[in-house]
Amino acid sequence: MLTKPLEIPEKQLRAAGLNLNNRIHYQLSSEELVEDTLMNGQGRLNDTGALVISTGTFTGRSPGDKFIVRDELTEKTVDWGHFNHPIEERYFDRILEDVRDYLNTRKELWVRDAYACAAPEYGLNIRIVNELPWMNLFAHHLFLRPSEEALESFEPGWHILSAPGLQLDPERCGVRQGNATVVSMKHKMILIAGSSYTGEIKKGIFSILNYLLPEIHNVLSMHCSANVGGNGDTALFFGLSGTGKTTLSTDPGRKLIGDDEHGWDDSRIFNFEGGCYAKCIGLSEEKEPEIYHAVRKGALVENVTFYPGTDQINFNDASITENTRVAYPIYFVENIVPEETGGTPGNIFFLTCDAYGVLPPISRLTREQALYYFISGYTAKVAGTETGVTEPRATFSACFGAPFIPLHPGRYAAMLGDRIAKHGVNVWMVNTGWTGGAYGTGSRIRLSDSRAMIRAALNGSLDPVPYHRDPVFDLMIPDSCPDVNPKILIPRQTWEDPEAYELQAKKLALQFSENFKNYAGMVAEEVKAAGPKV
């Protein structure tokens, strides 16, 4: 708790274009933000005291509506393409004008000063201006929290202006529709209009760090979770949404550094954030006790429903969205590294939820394979909820985070390859998806088995066992693993129809090959040759 009232930084807020005619709530505690949300009728408490809200129309990010201003700073550095949409400076100026005008008409605003990067030399000071108190609570949880002493001399390096109630004029503002997230490297601003999905705030700063850290500091920025074992060994977990990145890194036997975004400099891993943003669809105390118990007083839960007539959340209900989330400060997890830093990793895990059911539950990668699969960033999801649609859909996201990487994927891959070679890091692929057949026929690999395989990789139990090579994906598969039925280690042996397996495996291999054509011109021949055998 603050020992004295903090002065509102009026001069700085006016410099950011706010006229301060509204009531400014500055640096409120989580308790105060929850109270404001309830008073405004924007949420309710569940039976554990967590705040439950709805993010409205958008229950996830909108990558097609994220823009980076194309100017002299970004023209030749940003990898313009599918996710990095350019927008002219003149349109940014108009959107900034509209956002400021809109915020200046609100009766109340919630302002927070925070920072990103647990390594002080890379710290990024951020000032967030919110229309809604619960979005300010999200910022309180997800960003790092300055001390009271630091706040007295706080100078924001970046501003986030969040106006979810503002609908932009697409023609006037040069955007696709009424909502947009716009980043200006020159102005050091993120403008968010038309969406109250909190992830836009978090990933906006992540995108900036993915630009600044490699460009300025030669620090590898990563979309991964990280934890530390009892002997000080650090492990990284890369993976797209739904692959188990947060779940598998939040392990009672290891201390959590962070669940989503990290940097890797010459000597350490460091968290970008001060909290966690975990998926909670299907959440249970048995499978994910640390996350389950973090859903308590102060936590922010998004887009869930309640059992009828109760205040108990139904975590199995995806009627609003599959992307139900809970945000909480990292100290809600008991077993953490308070400094949010760790040493150079000894092991890296690429997590994939393969709904085709053909990738092995665990395999060891060479350096070249590590770069191939890092650039590929693969997972597979079920096509949808439409009746009769059970065919999996391959998803490739470069560096396991394509929507958030402004630079060319080859830049991040080269930095990762250098670090793997320099430090002799073990790299593993772990399939948390299906076994015994594809989705609809096979079954999901048990979480307990995935944990056992990761545990065996970390403690060295997989080092002395024999390995064999998968003929399609060229991956080295251990013949045995402690506490795991050896029958599931070889995917083709879990299928009742071997021919069906071969067809499915070759189908996925072809998709890998087609996707990698987008990157073949930027990697060495040995990396291109490290993919599946088509």
Protein backbone atom coordinates (compact mmCIF):
# COMPACT_ATOMS: atom_id res chain seq x y z
CA MET A 1 0.00 0.00 0.00
CA LEU A 2 1.11 3.56 -0.68
CA THR A 3 2.25 5.44 2.40
CA LYS A 4 1.17 8.81 1.02
CA PRO A 5 -1.14 10.05 -1.74
CA LEU A 6 0.47 10.26 -5.15
CA GLU A 7 0.22 13.49 -7.09
CA ILE A 8 -1.40 13.24 -10.49
CA PRO A 9 1.22 14.07 -13.15
CA GLU A 10 -0.93 16.85 -14.59
CA LYS A 11 1.78 18.54 -16.64
CA GLN A 12 2.75 15.30 -18.33
CA LEU A 13 -0.85 14.34 -18.99
CA ARG A 14 -1.53 17.71 -20.60
CA ALA A 15 1.55 17.17 -22.75
CA ALA A 16 -0.02 13.90 -23.89
CA GLY A 17 -3.09 15.86 -25.05
CA LEU A 18 -5.46 15.35 -22.12
CA ASN A 19 -7.26 18.47 -20.89
CA LEU A 20 -7.94 17.08 -17.38
CA ASN A 21 -11.52 18.30 -17.35
CA ASN A 22 -12.45 14.80 -16.24
CA ARG A 23 -11.81 13.11 -12.93
CA ILE A 24 -8.44 11.37 -13.05
CA HIS A 25 -7.93 8.24 -10.95
CA TYR A 26 -4.17 7.82 -10.73
CA GLN A 27 -2.36 4.67 -9.68
CA LEU A 28 -5.27 3.09 -7.84
CA SER A 29 -4.83 -0.17 -5.98
CA SER A 30 -6.37 -3.35 -7.32
CA GLU A 31 -9.00 -3.18 -4.56
CA GLU A 32 -10.01 0.33 -5.60
CA LEU A 33 -10.20 -0.64 -9.28
CA VAL A 34 -12.40 -3.62 -8.47
CA GLU A 35 -14.65 -1.35 -6.40
CA ASP A 36 -14.90 1.21 -9.23
CA THR A 37 -15.80 -1.55 -11.69
CA LEU A 38 -18.56 -2.87 -9.46
CA MET A 39 -19.91 0.64 -8.79
CA ASN A 40 -20.09 1.21 -12.55
CA GLY A 41 -22.01 -2.02 -13.03
CA GLN A 42 -19.32 -3.47 -15.28
CA GLY A 43 -18.62 -6.74 -13.48
CA ARG A 44 -19.42 -9.08 -10.63
CA LEU A 45 -17.51 -11.13 -8.11
CA ASN A 46 -17.37 -14.91 -8.17
CA ASP A 47 -17.42 -17.10 -5.08
CA THR A 48 -13.65 -16.70 -4.52
CA GLY A 49 -13.72 -12.89 -4.81
CA ALA A 50 -12.31 -12.63 -8.36
CA LEU A 51 -13.72 -9.91 -10.63
CA VAL A 52 -15.56 -11.31 -13.65
CA ILE A 53 -16.12 -9.05 -16.65
CA SER A 54 -17.12 -9.22 -20.30
CA THR A 55 -14.83 -7.75 -22.97
CA GLY A 56 -17.80 -7.21 -25.27
CA THR A 57 -17.68 -7.67 -29.02
CA PHE A 58 -14.03 -8.68 -29.08
CA THR A 59 -13.04 -11.71 -27.02
CA GLY A 60 -9.61 -11.95 -28.62
CA ARG A 61 -7.10 -9.87 -30.49
CA SER A 62 -7.93 -8.56 -33.95
CA PRO A 63 -4.66 -8.98 -35.93
CA GLY A 64 -6.20 -7.57 -39.11
CA ASP A 65 -6.80 -4.27 -37.32
CA LYS A 66 -3.31 -3.76 -35.90
CA PHE A 67 -1.21 -1.13 -37.67
CA ILE A 68 2.33 0.25 -37.45
CA VAL A 69 2.98 3.78 -38.69
CA ARG A 70 5.20 3.67 -41.75
CA ASP A 71 7.77 6.45 -41.37
CA GLU A 72 11.52 7.04 -41.59
CA LEU A 73 12.12 4.84 -38.53
CA THR A 74 10.14 1.84 -39.68
CA GLU A 75 10.23 2.02 -43.49
CA LYS A 76 13.28 -0.22 -43.90
CA THR A 77 13.29 -2.08 -40.59
CA VAL A 78 9.77 -3.49 -40.20
CA ASP A 79 8.95 -6.68 -42.10
CA TRP A 80 5.81 -5.37 -43.76
CA GLY A 81 3.39 -8.11 -44.64
CA HIS A 82 0.57 -10.26 -43.37
CA PHE A 83 0.64 -9.09 -39.74
CA ASN A 84 2.58 -5.83 -39.93
CA HIS A 85 0.08 -3.58 -41.65
CA PRO A 86 1.42 -0.12 -42.55
CA ILE A 87 -0.53 3.06 -41.95
CA GLU A 88 0.40 6.56 -43.08
CA GLU A 89 1.43 9.21 -40.55
CA ARG A 90 -1.47 11.44 -41.57
CA TYR A 91 -3.93 8.75 -40.51
CA PHE A 92 -2.13 8.26 -37.20
CA ASP A 93 -2.49 11.99 -36.56
CA ARG A 94 -6.23 11.78 -37.18
CA ILE A 95 -6.69 8.74 -34.96
CA LEU A 96 -4.65 10.39 -32.21
CA GLU A 97 -6.86 13.48 -32.47
CA ASP A 98 -10.02 11.35 -32.30
CA VAL A 99 -8.77 9.30 -29.35
CA ARG A 100 -7.73 12.39 -27.40
CA ASP A 101 -11.00 14.17 -28.12
CA TYR A 102 -12.95 11.11 -27.04
CA LEU A 103 -11.01 10.58 -23.81
CA ASN A 104 -11.35 14.26 -22.96
CA THR A 105 -15.14 13.91 -23.00
CA ARG A 106 -15.18 11.05 -20.48
CA LYS A 107 -16.30 11.91 -16.95
CA GLU A 108 -13.56 9.70 -15.49
CA LEU A 109 -10.24 8.24 -16.62
CA TRP A 110 -7.96 5.73 -14.95
CA VAL A 111 -4.23 6.36 -15.36
CA ARG A 112 -1.40 4.03 -14.42
CA ASP A 113 2.38 4.21 -14.58
CA ALA A 114 4.17 0.90 -15.01
CA TYR A 115 7.14 -0.58 -16.77
CA ALA A 116 8.22 -3.63 -18.76
CA CYS A 117 11.41 -5.75 -18.50
CA ALA A 118 12.66 -7.14 -15.19
CA ALA A 119 16.25 -6.39 -16.31
CA PRO A 120 16.63 -2.70 -15.34
CA GLU A 121 18.95 -1.74 -18.20
CA TYR A 122 16.21 -2.59 -20.72
CA GLY A 123 13.30 -1.16 -18.71
CA LEU A 124 10.52 0.53 -20.68
CA ASN A 125 8.43 3.06 -18.73
CA ILE A 126 4.77 3.04 -19.76
CA ARG A 127 1.84 5.32 -18.96
CA ILE A 128 -1.57 3.75 -19.59
CA VAL A 129 -4.72 5.90 -19.89
CA ASN A 130 -7.91 3.85 -19.67
CA GLU A 131 -11.57 4.60 -20.17
CA LEU A 132 -12.50 1.58 -18.04
CA PRO A 133 -11.27 0.76 -14.53
CA TRP A 134 -11.04 -3.00 -15.09
CA MET A 135 -8.73 -2.45 -18.07
CA ASN A 136 -6.52 -0.42 -15.72
CA LEU A 137 -6.64 -3.38 -13.34
CA PHE A 138 -5.36 -5.57 -16.17
CA ALA A 139 -2.44 -3.17 -16.66
CA HIS A 140 -1.77 -3.29 -12.91
CA HIS A 141 -1.51 -7.07 -13.07
CA LEU A 142 0.36 -7.59 -16.34
CA PHE A 143 3.00 -4.87 -16.22
CA LEU A 144 5.71 -4.45 -13.63
CA ARG A 145 4.80 -2.18 -10.75
CA PRO A 146 7.16 0.71 -9.83
CA SER A 147 7.94 1.45 -6.21
CA GLU A 148 6.45 4.54 -4.59
CA GLU A 149 9.88 6.15 -4.67
CA ALA A 150 10.26 5.42 -8.40
CA LEU A 151 6.85 6.95 -9.11
CA GLU A 152 7.95 10.30 -7.68
CA SER A 153 10.39 10.77 -10.57
CA PHE A 154 8.60 8.62 -13.17
CA GLU A 155 9.02 9.73 -16.80
CA PRO A 156 6.93 7.77 -19.30
CA GLY A 157 8.82 6.48 -22.32
CA TRP A 158 5.65 5.21 -24.02
CA HIS A 159 1.93 6.02 -23.78
CA ILE A 160 -1.01 3.70 -24.28
CA LEU A 161 -4.28 5.54 -24.87
CA SER A 162 -7.17 3.10 -24.64
CA ALA A 163 -10.62 4.20 -25.85
CA PRO A 164 -12.73 1.06 -26.32
CA GLY A 165 -15.95 3.07 -26.62
CA LEU A 166 -14.68 5.02 -29.63
CA GLN A 167 -15.67 3.83 -33.10
CA LEU A 168 -13.33 5.20 -35.75
CA ASP A 169 -14.44 6.42 -39.15
CA PRO A 170 -12.59 3.96 -41.45
CA GLU A 171 -12.49 6.32 -44.42
CA ARG A 172 -11.18 9.25 -42.40
CA CYS A 173 -8.71 7.18 -40.40
CA GLY A 174 -7.42 4.81 -43.07
CA VAL A 175 -8.39 1.67 -41.17
CA ARG A 176 -10.41 -1.42 -41.99
CA GLN A 177 -13.33 -0.89 -39.60
CA GLY A 178 -14.29 0.95 -36.42
CA ASN A 179 -11.68 -0.68 -34.19
CA ALA A 180 -7.90 -0.45 -34.49
CA THR A 181 -4.66 -0.74 -32.56
CA VAL A 182 -2.07 1.66 -33.95
CA VAL A 183 1.61 1.79 -32.99
CA SER A 184 3.88 4.75 -33.71
CA MET A 185 7.57 4.14 -33.01
CA LYS A 186 8.29 7.83 -33.61
CA HIS A 187 5.61 9.15 -31.24
CA LYS A 188 6.15 6.26 -28.80
CA MET A 189 2.43 5.69 -28.58
CA ILE A 190 -0.09 2.87 -28.82
CA LEU A 191 -3.64 3.94 -29.64
CA ILE A 192 -6.45 1.44 -29.02
CA ALA A 193 -9.95 2.23 -30.24
CA GLY A 194 -13.14 0.23 -30.51
CA SER A 195 -12.04 -2.85 -28.54
CA SER A 196 -12.02 -3.61 -24.83
CA TYR A 197 -10.14 -6.88 -25.21
CA THR A 198 -7.32 -6.44 -22.70
CA GLY A 199 -4.83 -8.52 -24.67
CA GLU A 200 -4.41 -5.63 -27.12
CA ILE A 201 -2.70 -3.65 -24.32
CA LYS A 202 -0.34 -6.45 -23.39
CA LYS A 203 0.61 -7.48 -26.92
CA GLY A 204 1.04 -3.87 -28.04
CA ILE A 205 3.96 -3.47 -25.62
CA PHE A 206 5.27 -6.93 -26.56
CA SER A 207 5.39 -5.88 -30.22
CA ILE A 208 7.37 -2.77 -29.28
CA LEU A 209 9.89 -4.80 -27.27
CA ASN A 210 10.18 -7.25 -30.17
CA TYR A 211 11.29 -4.25 -32.23
CA LEU A 212 13.48 -2.36 -29.78
CA LEU A 213 15.40 -5.12 -27.99
CA PRO A 214 16.92 -6.86 -31.05
CA GLU A 215 17.47 -3.57 -32.90
CA ILE A 216 19.08 -1.58 -30.10
CA HIS A 217 20.40 -4.05 -27.51
CA ASN A 218 21.01 -7.31 -29.42
CA VAL A 219 18.63 -9.00 -26.97
CA LEU A 220 16.50 -11.87 -28.25
CA SER A 221 12.83 -11.20 -27.45
CA MET A 222 10.71 -14.34 -27.20
CA HIS A 223 7.09 -15.45 -26.97
CA CYS A 224 7.75 -18.12 -24.36
CA SER A 225 7.32 -19.02 -20.71
CA ALA A 226 10.26 -19.76 -18.41
CA ASN A 227 10.94 -21.50 -15.13
CA VAL A 228 13.87 -22.57 -12.95
CA GLY A 229 14.60 -25.89 -11.26
CA GLY A 230 15.98 -26.54 -7.82
CA ASN A 231 19.56 -26.62 -9.11
CA GLY A 232 19.17 -23.29 -10.90
CA ASP A 233 18.58 -24.71 -14.39
CA THR A 234 16.40 -22.51 -16.58
CA ALA A 235 13.96 -23.89 -19.16
CA LEU A 236 12.01 -22.10 -21.91
CA PHE A 237 8.63 -23.13 -23.31
CA PHE A 238 7.58 -21.82 -26.74
CA GLY A 239 4.09 -22.45 -28.05
CA LEU A 240 1.00 -20.91 -29.57
CA SER A 241 -2.27 -20.51 -27.68
CA GLY A 242 -3.69 -23.79 -26.44
CA THR A 243 -0.44 -25.77 -26.54
CA GLY A 244 0.20 -25.67 -22.78
CA LYS A 245 2.80 -22.92 -22.50
CA THR A 246 1.37 -21.46 -19.31
CA THR A 247 0.19 -24.79 -17.91
CA LEU A 248 3.45 -26.68 -18.33
CA SER A 249 5.69 -23.88 -17.11
CA THR A 250 3.56 -23.38 -13.99
CA ASP A 251 4.95 -26.48 -12.32
CA PRO A 252 4.87 -27.01 -8.53
CA GLY A 253 8.34 -28.55 -8.74
CA ARG A 254 9.94 -25.53 -10.43
CA LYS A 255 9.88 -21.77 -9.84
CA LEU A 256 8.10 -19.65 -12.42
CA ILE A 257 9.99 -16.74 -14.02
CA GLY A 258 7.08 -15.79 -16.26
CA ASP A 259 4.35 -17.35 -18.38
CA ASP A 260 4.51 -15.56 -21.74
CA GLU A 261 7.16 -12.99 -22.73
CA HIS A 262 10.91 -12.96 -22.08
CA GLY A 263 14.23 -11.56 -23.21
CA TRP A 264 17.57 -13.39 -23.52
CA ASP A 265 20.75 -11.35 -23.35
CA ASP A 266 24.34 -12.56 -23.01
CA SER A 267 23.92 -13.98 -19.54
CA ARG A 268 20.29 -14.40 -18.50
CA ILE A 269 16.59 -14.75 -19.17
CA PHE A 270 14.29 -11.99 -17.90
CA ASN A 271 10.53 -11.55 -17.82
CA PHE A 272 8.92 -8.62 -19.62
CA GLU A 273 5.83 -8.67 -17.43
CA GLY A 274 4.65 -8.54 -13.85
CA GLY A 275 1.79 -10.99 -14.13
CA CYS A 276 0.12 -13.85 -15.97
CA TYR A 277 -2.70 -14.03 -18.48
CA ALA A 278 -3.75 -17.66 -18.47
CA LYS A 279 -6.39 -19.42 -20.53
CA CYS A 280 -8.97 -20.89 -18.21
CA ILE A 281 -11.18 -22.98 -20.48
CA GLY A 282 -11.46 -26.36 -18.79
CA LEU A 283 -9.54 -25.09 -15.76
CA SER A 284 -9.55 -27.49 -12.82
CA GLU A 285 -7.81 -27.75 -9.48
CA GLU A 286 -6.60 -31.25 -10.32
CA LYS A 287 -4.87 -30.40 -13.62
CA GLU A 288 -3.69 -26.82 -13.04
CA PRO A 289 -3.74 -26.14 -9.28
CA GLU A 290 -1.52 -23.03 -9.38
CA ILE A 291 -3.68 -21.26 -11.97
CA TYR A 292 -6.90 -22.49 -10.37
CA HIS A 293 -5.94 -21.02 -7.00
CA ALA A 294 -4.91 -17.73 -8.65
CA VAL A 295 -8.59 -17.13 -9.45
CA ARG A 296 -9.14 -15.28 -6.20
CA LYS A 297 -9.71 -11.82 -4.80
CA GLY A 298 -8.03 -9.28 -7.09
CA ALA A 299 -7.84 -11.51 -10.17
CA LEU A 300 -9.58 -10.43 -13.39
CA VAL A 301 -11.55 -13.15 -15.20
CA GLU A 302 -12.80 -12.56 -18.73
CA ASN A 303 -15.79 -13.87 -20.66
CA VAL A 304 -16.78 -16.82 -18.48
CA THR A 305 -20.24 -17.90 -17.37
CA PHE A 306 -21.61 -19.03 -14.01
CA TYR A 307 -23.48 -22.13 -13.02
CA PRO A 308 -27.14 -21.07 -12.90
CA GLY A 309 -28.16 -19.47 -9.63
CA THR A 310 -24.62 -19.40 -8.24
CA ASP A 311 -21.48 -17.29 -8.17
CA GLN A 312 -19.37 -20.28 -9.21
CA ILE A 313 -17.64 -20.03 -12.58
CA ASN A 314 -18.30 -22.78 -15.12
CA PHE A 315 -14.83 -23.10 -16.60
CA ASN A 316 -16.02 -25.74 -19.09
CA ASP A 317 -18.48 -23.40 -20.80
CA ALA A 318 -17.13 -21.97 -24.05
CA SER A 319 -20.44 -20.44 -25.16
CA ILE A 320 -18.97 -16.92 -25.11
CA THR A 321 -15.51 -17.89 -26.35
CA GLU A 322 -12.89 -20.63 -26.13
CA ASN A 323 -10.49 -17.82 -25.21
CA THR A 324 -11.63 -17.37 -21.61
CA ARG A 325 -8.81 -15.79 -19.59
CA VAL A 326 -7.70 -14.90 -16.09
CA ALA A 327 -5.19 -12.10 -15.38
CA TYR A 328 -3.34 -11.90 -12.08
CA PRO A 329 -0.06 -10.56 -10.69
CA ILE A 330 2.72 -13.14 -10.73
CA TYR A 331 2.88 -13.23 -6.94
CA PHE A 332 -0.53 -14.95 -6.97
CA VAL A 333 1.51 -18.04 -7.89
CA GLU A 334 3.28 -19.34 -4.81
CA ASN A 335 6.37 -20.86 -6.43
CA ILE A 336 8.01 -18.00 -8.34
CA VAL A 337 11.35 -16.28 -8.84
CA PRO A 338 10.70 -12.86 -7.25
CA GLU A 339 13.35 -11.16 -9.39
CA GLU A 340 11.73 -12.67 -12.53
CA THR A 341 15.14 -13.51 -14.00
CA GLY A 342 17.08 -16.72 -14.55
CA GLY A 343 20.35 -17.96 -16.00
CA THR A 344 21.03 -19.09 -19.55
CA PRO A 345 18.62 -21.95 -20.37
CA GLY A 346 19.81 -25.53 -20.55
CA ASN A 347 16.65 -26.78 -22.25
CA ILE A 348 14.13 -25.32 -24.70
CA PHE A 349 10.75 -26.91 -25.44
CA PHE A 350 8.71 -26.24 -28.57
CA LEU A 351 5.11 -27.09 -27.67
CA THR A 352 2.62 -28.06 -30.33
CA CYS A 353 -0.95 -29.31 -30.03
CA ASP A 354 -0.99 -31.57 -33.08
CA ALA A 355 -4.63 -32.37 -33.80
CA TYR A 356 -3.49 -34.58 -36.71
CA GLY A 357 -2.07 -37.01 -34.15
CA VAL A 358 1.14 -37.78 -36.07
CA LEU A 359 3.93 -35.93 -34.23
CA PRO A 360 5.68 -37.80 -31.39
CA PRO A 361 4.88 -36.77 -27.80
CA ILE A 362 8.55 -35.85 -27.34
CA SER A 363 11.56 -35.72 -29.64
CA ARG A 364 15.04 -34.19 -29.55
CA LEU A 365 16.01 -31.64 -32.22
CA THR A 366 19.32 -30.77 -33.78
CA ARG A 367 20.26 -27.08 -33.96
CA GLU A 368 19.17 -27.00 -37.61
CA GLN A 369 15.86 -28.65 -36.80
CA ALA A 370 15.38 -26.22 -33.93
CA LEU A 371 15.64 -23.29 -36.34
CA TYR A 372 13.36 -24.97 -38.88
CA TYR A 373 10.62 -25.64 -36.35
CA PHE A 374 11.10 -22.28 -34.62
CA ILE A 375 10.57 -20.46 -37.90
CA SER A 376 7.61 -22.74 -38.70
CA GLY A 377 5.89 -22.17 -35.34
CA TYR A 378 3.45 -25.02 -35.83
CA THR A 379 0.33 -26.17 -34.06
CA ALA A 380 -2.93 -27.65 -35.35
CA LYS A 381 -6.43 -26.86 -34.22
CA VAL A 382 -9.86 -28.28 -34.86
CA ALA A 383 -11.43 -26.44 -37.77
CA GLY A 384 -14.44 -25.17 -35.85
CA THR A 385 -17.69 -25.96 -34.10
CA GLU A 386 -19.74 -26.39 -37.26
CA THR A 387 -21.63 -29.70 -37.37
CA GLY A 388 -19.62 -32.43 -39.05
CA VAL A 389 -16.39 -30.43 -39.29
CA THR A 390 -13.69 -32.53 -37.59
CA GLU A 391 -10.72 -32.05 -39.92
CA PRO A 392 -7.77 -30.42 -38.13
CA ARG A 393 -6.35 -27.17 -39.46
CA ALA A 394 -2.61 -26.53 -39.47
CA THR A 395 -1.52 -23.19 -38.04
CA PHE A 396 1.95 -21.80 -38.70
CA SER A 397 3.08 -18.69 -36.81
CA ALA A 398 6.72 -17.72 -37.34
CA CYS A 399 8.79 -17.75 -34.14
CA PHE A 400 5.64 -18.88 -32.30
CA GLY A 401 4.40 -15.29 -32.39
CA ALA A 402 4.07 -13.92 -35.92
CA PRO A 403 1.43 -11.26 -35.04
CA PHE A 404 3.85 -9.64 -32.56
CA ILE A 405 7.19 -9.62 -34.43
CA PRO A 406 7.83 -6.43 -36.40
CA LEU A 407 11.25 -7.57 -37.71
CA HIS A 408 11.89 -10.33 -40.23
CA PRO A 409 11.54 -13.81 -38.63
CA GLY A 410 15.06 -14.61 -39.81
CA ARG A 411 16.42 -12.00 -37.41
CA TYR A 412 15.00 -13.77 -34.36
CA ALA A 413 15.90 -17.23 -35.67
CA ALA A 414 19.53 -16.26 -36.25
CA MET A 415 19.80 -14.89 -32.70
CA LEU A 416 18.26 -18.06 -31.29
CA GLY A 417 20.60 -20.26 -33.34
CA ASP A 418 23.66 -18.37 -32.11
CA ARG A 419 22.59 -18.80 -28.50
CA ILE A 420 21.81 -22.52 -28.88
CA ALA A 421 25.24 -23.11 -30.38
CA LYS A 422 27.13 -20.93 -27.90
CA HIS A 423 25.55 -22.44 -24.79
CA GLY A 424 24.95 -26.01 -25.97
CA VAL A 425 21.22 -25.84 -25.27
CA ASN A 426 19.07 -28.97 -25.64
CA VAL A 427 15.99 -28.39 -27.79
CA TRP A 428 12.93 -30.62 -27.65
CA MET A 429 9.59 -30.77 -29.44
CA VAL A 430 6.66 -31.80 -27.26
CA ASN A 431 3.30 -32.67 -28.80
CA THR A 432 0.49 -31.97 -26.33
CA GLY A 433 -2.15 -32.85 -28.92
CA TRP A 434 -3.58 -36.16 -30.07
CA THR A 435 -2.42 -39.76 -30.01
CA GLY A 436 -3.96 -42.93 -31.48
CA GLY A 437 -5.50 -40.98 -34.35
CA ALA A 438 -6.45 -37.47 -35.32
CA TYR A 439 -9.03 -35.34 -33.52
CA GLY A 440 -12.34 -37.20 -33.58
CA THR A 441 -10.68 -40.62 -33.55
CA GLY A 442 -7.75 -40.50 -31.19
CA SER A 443 -7.45 -39.06 -27.70
CA ARG A 444 -5.64 -36.09 -26.20
CA ILE A 445 -2.23 -36.85 -24.72
CA ARG A 446 -2.60 -36.78 -20.96
CA LEU A 447 -1.21 -33.74 -19.17
CA SER A 448 0.46 -36.07 -16.67
CA ASP A 449 2.35 -37.75 -19.54
CA SER A 450 3.48 -34.41 -20.97
CA ARG A 451 4.69 -33.34 -17.53
CA ALA A 452 6.56 -36.64 -17.07
CA MET A 453 8.33 -36.31 -20.44
CA ILE A 454 9.37 -32.74 -19.76
CA ARG A 455 10.54 -33.72 -16.28
CA ALA A 456 12.63 -36.55 -17.77
CA ALA A 457 14.21 -34.20 -20.32
CA LEU A 458 15.06 -31.70 -17.60
CA ASN A 459 16.59 -34.17 -15.15
CA GLY A 460 18.66 -35.98 -17.76
CA SER A 461 16.70 -39.25 -17.74
CA LEU A 462 16.35 -39.14 -21.54
CA ASP A 463 20.08 -38.72 -22.14
CA PRO A 464 21.17 -42.40 -21.88
CA VAL A 465 18.15 -44.08 -23.52
CA PRO A 466 18.27 -45.31 -27.14
CA TYR A 467 16.64 -43.13 -29.81
CA HIS A 468 15.25 -43.91 -33.24
CA ARG A 469 14.55 -41.61 -36.18
CA ASP A 470 11.03 -40.90 -37.44
CA PRO A 471 11.06 -41.63 -41.21
CA VAL A 472 8.75 -38.73 -42.15
CA PHE A 473 9.63 -35.92 -39.76
CA ASP A 474 13.26 -36.97 -39.23
CA LEU A 475 12.90 -36.41 -35.49
CA MET A 476 14.84 -38.41 -32.88
CA ILE A 477 12.38 -40.20 -30.59
CA PRO A 478 13.41 -41.81 -27.28
CA ASP A 479 12.55 -45.51 -27.01
CA SER A 480 11.48 -45.10 -23.40
CA CYS A 481 10.69 -42.45 -20.81
CA PRO A 482 10.21 -42.85 -17.04
CA ASP A 483 6.56 -42.90 -15.91
CA VAL A 484 5.26 -42.95 -19.51
CA ASN A 485 3.82 -45.94 -21.39
CA PRO A 486 6.38 -46.55 -24.19
CA LYS A 487 3.56 -47.40 -26.62
CA ILE A 488 2.57 -43.73 -26.94
CA LEU A 489 6.10 -42.56 -27.82
CA ILE A 490 5.84 -43.84 -31.41
CA PRO A 491 2.74 -42.30 -33.01
CA ARG A 492 2.34 -44.78 -35.87
CA GLN A 493 2.10 -47.65 -33.35
CA THR A 494 -0.85 -45.99 -31.60
CA TRP A 495 -2.98 -45.91 -34.77
CA GLU A 496 -5.20 -48.88 -35.59
CA ASP A 497 -4.79 -48.20 -39.31
CA PRO A 498 -1.07 -47.77 -40.26
CA GLU A 499 -1.95 -46.64 -43.79
CA ALA A 500 -4.19 -43.89 -42.44
CA TYR A 501 -1.30 -42.74 -40.25
CA GLU A 502 1.07 -42.61 -43.23
CA LEU A 503 -1.40 -40.55 -45.25
CA GLN A 504 -1.95 -38.12 -42.39
CA ALA A 505 1.78 -37.80 -41.66
CA LYS A 506 2.61 -37.08 -45.30
CA LYS A 507 -0.23 -34.56 -45.50
CA LEU A 508 1.19 -32.63 -42.55
CA ALA A 509 4.75 -32.91 -43.90
CA LEU A 510 3.60 -31.31 -47.16
CA GLN A 511 2.01 -28.44 -45.26
CA PHE A 512 5.29 -27.84 -43.43
CA SER A 513 7.12 -27.81 -46.75
CA GLU A 514 4.68 -25.40 -48.38
CA ASN A 515 4.77 -23.02 -45.43
CA PHE A 516 8.56 -23.00 -45.24
CA LYS A 517 8.84 -21.81 -48.84
CA ASN A 518 8.04 -18.36 -47.43
CA TYR A 519 11.32 -18.42 -45.48
CA ALA A 520 13.62 -20.63 -47.56
CA GLY A 521 15.51 -17.66 -49.00
CA MET A 522 16.69 -16.45 -45.60
CA VAL A 523 18.16 -19.61 -44.06
CA ALA A 524 21.14 -21.86 -44.68
CA GLU A 525 20.75 -25.00 -46.78
CA GLU A 526 21.17 -27.24 -43.74
CA VAL A 527 18.20 -25.55 -42.05
CA LYS A 528 16.01 -25.97 -45.15
CA ALA A 529 17.00 -29.64 -45.23
CA ALA A 530 16.07 -30.15 -41.56
CA GLY A 531 12.33 -30.32 -42.15
CA PRO A 532 10.07 -33.31 -42.82
CA LYS A 533 10.97 -35.64 -45.68
CA VAL A 534 8.42 -35.00 -48.41
